[in-house]
Amino acid sequence: MASSVYSRTLQKAADLLGGRKKLARILRVPMKDLEAWIADEVKPPLNVFLRVVDIIIDETGPASESGDPGDPPPPRDAGGSWRTRYED
């Protein structure tokens, strides 16, 4: 079974921060809860998940520094070429 978006997001944040212990400390959650969420045993609370998304955004920075913030995003191919990048 494929990992859920919750599990993948939590693991990505842990990787960016240097480990699961650090992520648990920042989120102020018990390690056993974090481990259960990453293992897809239960879904994390929405407020925790959104904090994890914020952590990832903060740690990775803006997607592109080259364009004007007011510029619209580049157009996508109607054939769906963006899907191959995100579907594994």
Protein backbone atom coordinates (compact mmCIF):
# COMPACT_ATOMS: atom_id res chain seq x y z
CA MET A 1 0.00 0.00 0.00
CA ALA A 2 1.28 3.46 -0.89
CA SER A 3 2.01 5.93 1.87
CA SER A 4 -0.63 8.58 2.49
CA VAL A 5 -0.03 12.26 1.90
CA TYR A 6 0.01 12.64 5.70
CA SER A 7 2.75 10.06 6.15
CA ARG A 8 4.88 11.41 3.32
CA THR A 9 4.50 14.99 4.51
CA LEU A 10 5.45 14.14 8.08
CA GLN A 11 8.47 12.15 6.92
CA LYS A 12 9.57 14.99 4.62
CA ALA A 13 9.40 17.45 7.51
CA ALA A 14 11.37 15.09 9.73
CA ASP A 15 14.03 14.72 7.03
CA LEU A 16 14.28 18.50 6.59
CA LEU A 17 14.60 19.10 10.33
CA GLY A 18 17.12 16.36 10.99
CA GLY A 19 14.98 13.62 12.45
CA ARG A 20 11.71 12.50 13.93
CA LYS A 21 12.68 13.43 17.49
CA LYS A 22 13.23 17.03 16.47
CA LEU A 23 9.93 17.15 14.59
CA ALA A 24 8.07 15.71 17.58
CA ARG A 25 9.70 18.30 19.83
CA ILE A 26 8.80 21.19 17.51
CA LEU A 27 5.22 19.96 17.15
CA ARG A 28 5.05 19.27 20.91
CA VAL A 29 3.57 15.83 20.36
CA PRO A 30 4.52 12.47 21.87
CA MET A 31 6.97 10.47 19.78
CA LYS A 32 4.57 7.51 19.76
CA ASP A 33 1.90 9.68 18.11
CA LEU A 34 4.32 10.91 15.46
CA GLU A 35 5.47 7.35 14.75
CA ALA A 36 1.84 6.20 14.40
CA TRP A 37 1.08 9.01 11.95
CA ILE A 38 4.16 8.29 9.84
CA ALA A 39 3.32 4.56 9.86
CA ASP A 40 -0.18 5.40 8.55
CA GLU A 41 -1.78 3.79 11.59
CA VAL A 42 -3.89 6.91 12.22
CA LYS A 43 -4.25 10.33 10.59
CA PRO A 44 -2.71 13.28 12.38
CA PRO A 45 -5.03 16.04 13.61
CA LEU A 46 -5.60 18.66 10.93
CA ASN A 47 -3.97 21.43 12.96
CA VAL A 48 -0.80 19.32 13.31
CA PHE A 49 -0.76 18.45 9.62
CA LEU A 50 -1.09 22.12 8.64
CA ARG A 51 1.78 23.03 10.98
CA VAL A 52 3.89 20.37 9.25
CA VAL A 53 3.04 21.88 5.86
CA ASP A 54 4.14 25.29 7.19
CA ILE A 55 7.42 23.76 8.39
CA ILE A 56 8.12 22.33 4.95
CA ILE A 57 7.32 25.65 3.27
CA ASP A 58 9.57 27.51 5.70
CA GLU A 59 12.43 25.03 5.33
CA THR A 60 12.36 24.85 1.53
CA GLY A 61 11.82 28.53 0.77
CA PRO A 62 10.05 29.97 -2.23
CA ALA A 63 9.70 27.81 -5.33
CA SER A 64 11.25 30.45 -7.57
CA GLU A 65 13.30 33.48 -6.68
CA SER A 66 13.64 34.61 -10.29
CA GLY A 67 10.17 35.96 -11.03
CA ASP A 68 8.18 38.88 -9.74
CA PRO A 69 5.90 37.75 -6.89
CA GLY A 70 2.99 39.28 -8.81
CA ASP A 71 3.65 37.15 -11.88
CA PRO A 72 1.20 34.34 -12.56
CA PRO A 73 2.53 30.78 -12.45
CA PRO A 74 3.80 29.37 -15.75
CA PRO A 75 1.18 27.57 -17.84
CA ARG A 76 0.95 23.80 -17.60
CA ASP A 77 0.73 21.42 -20.51
CA ALA A 78 -2.90 20.38 -20.97
CA GLY A 79 -1.62 16.85 -21.63
CA GLY A 80 -0.80 16.50 -17.96
CA SER A 81 3.00 16.38 -18.04
CA TRP A 82 3.02 17.71 -14.45
CA ARG A 83 1.56 14.41 -13.29
CA THR A 84 4.68 12.40 -13.99
CA ARG A 85 6.62 14.57 -11.57
CA TYR A 86 4.25 13.85 -8.68
CA GLU A 87 3.01 10.34 -9.39
CA ASP A 88 5.35 7.55 -8.43
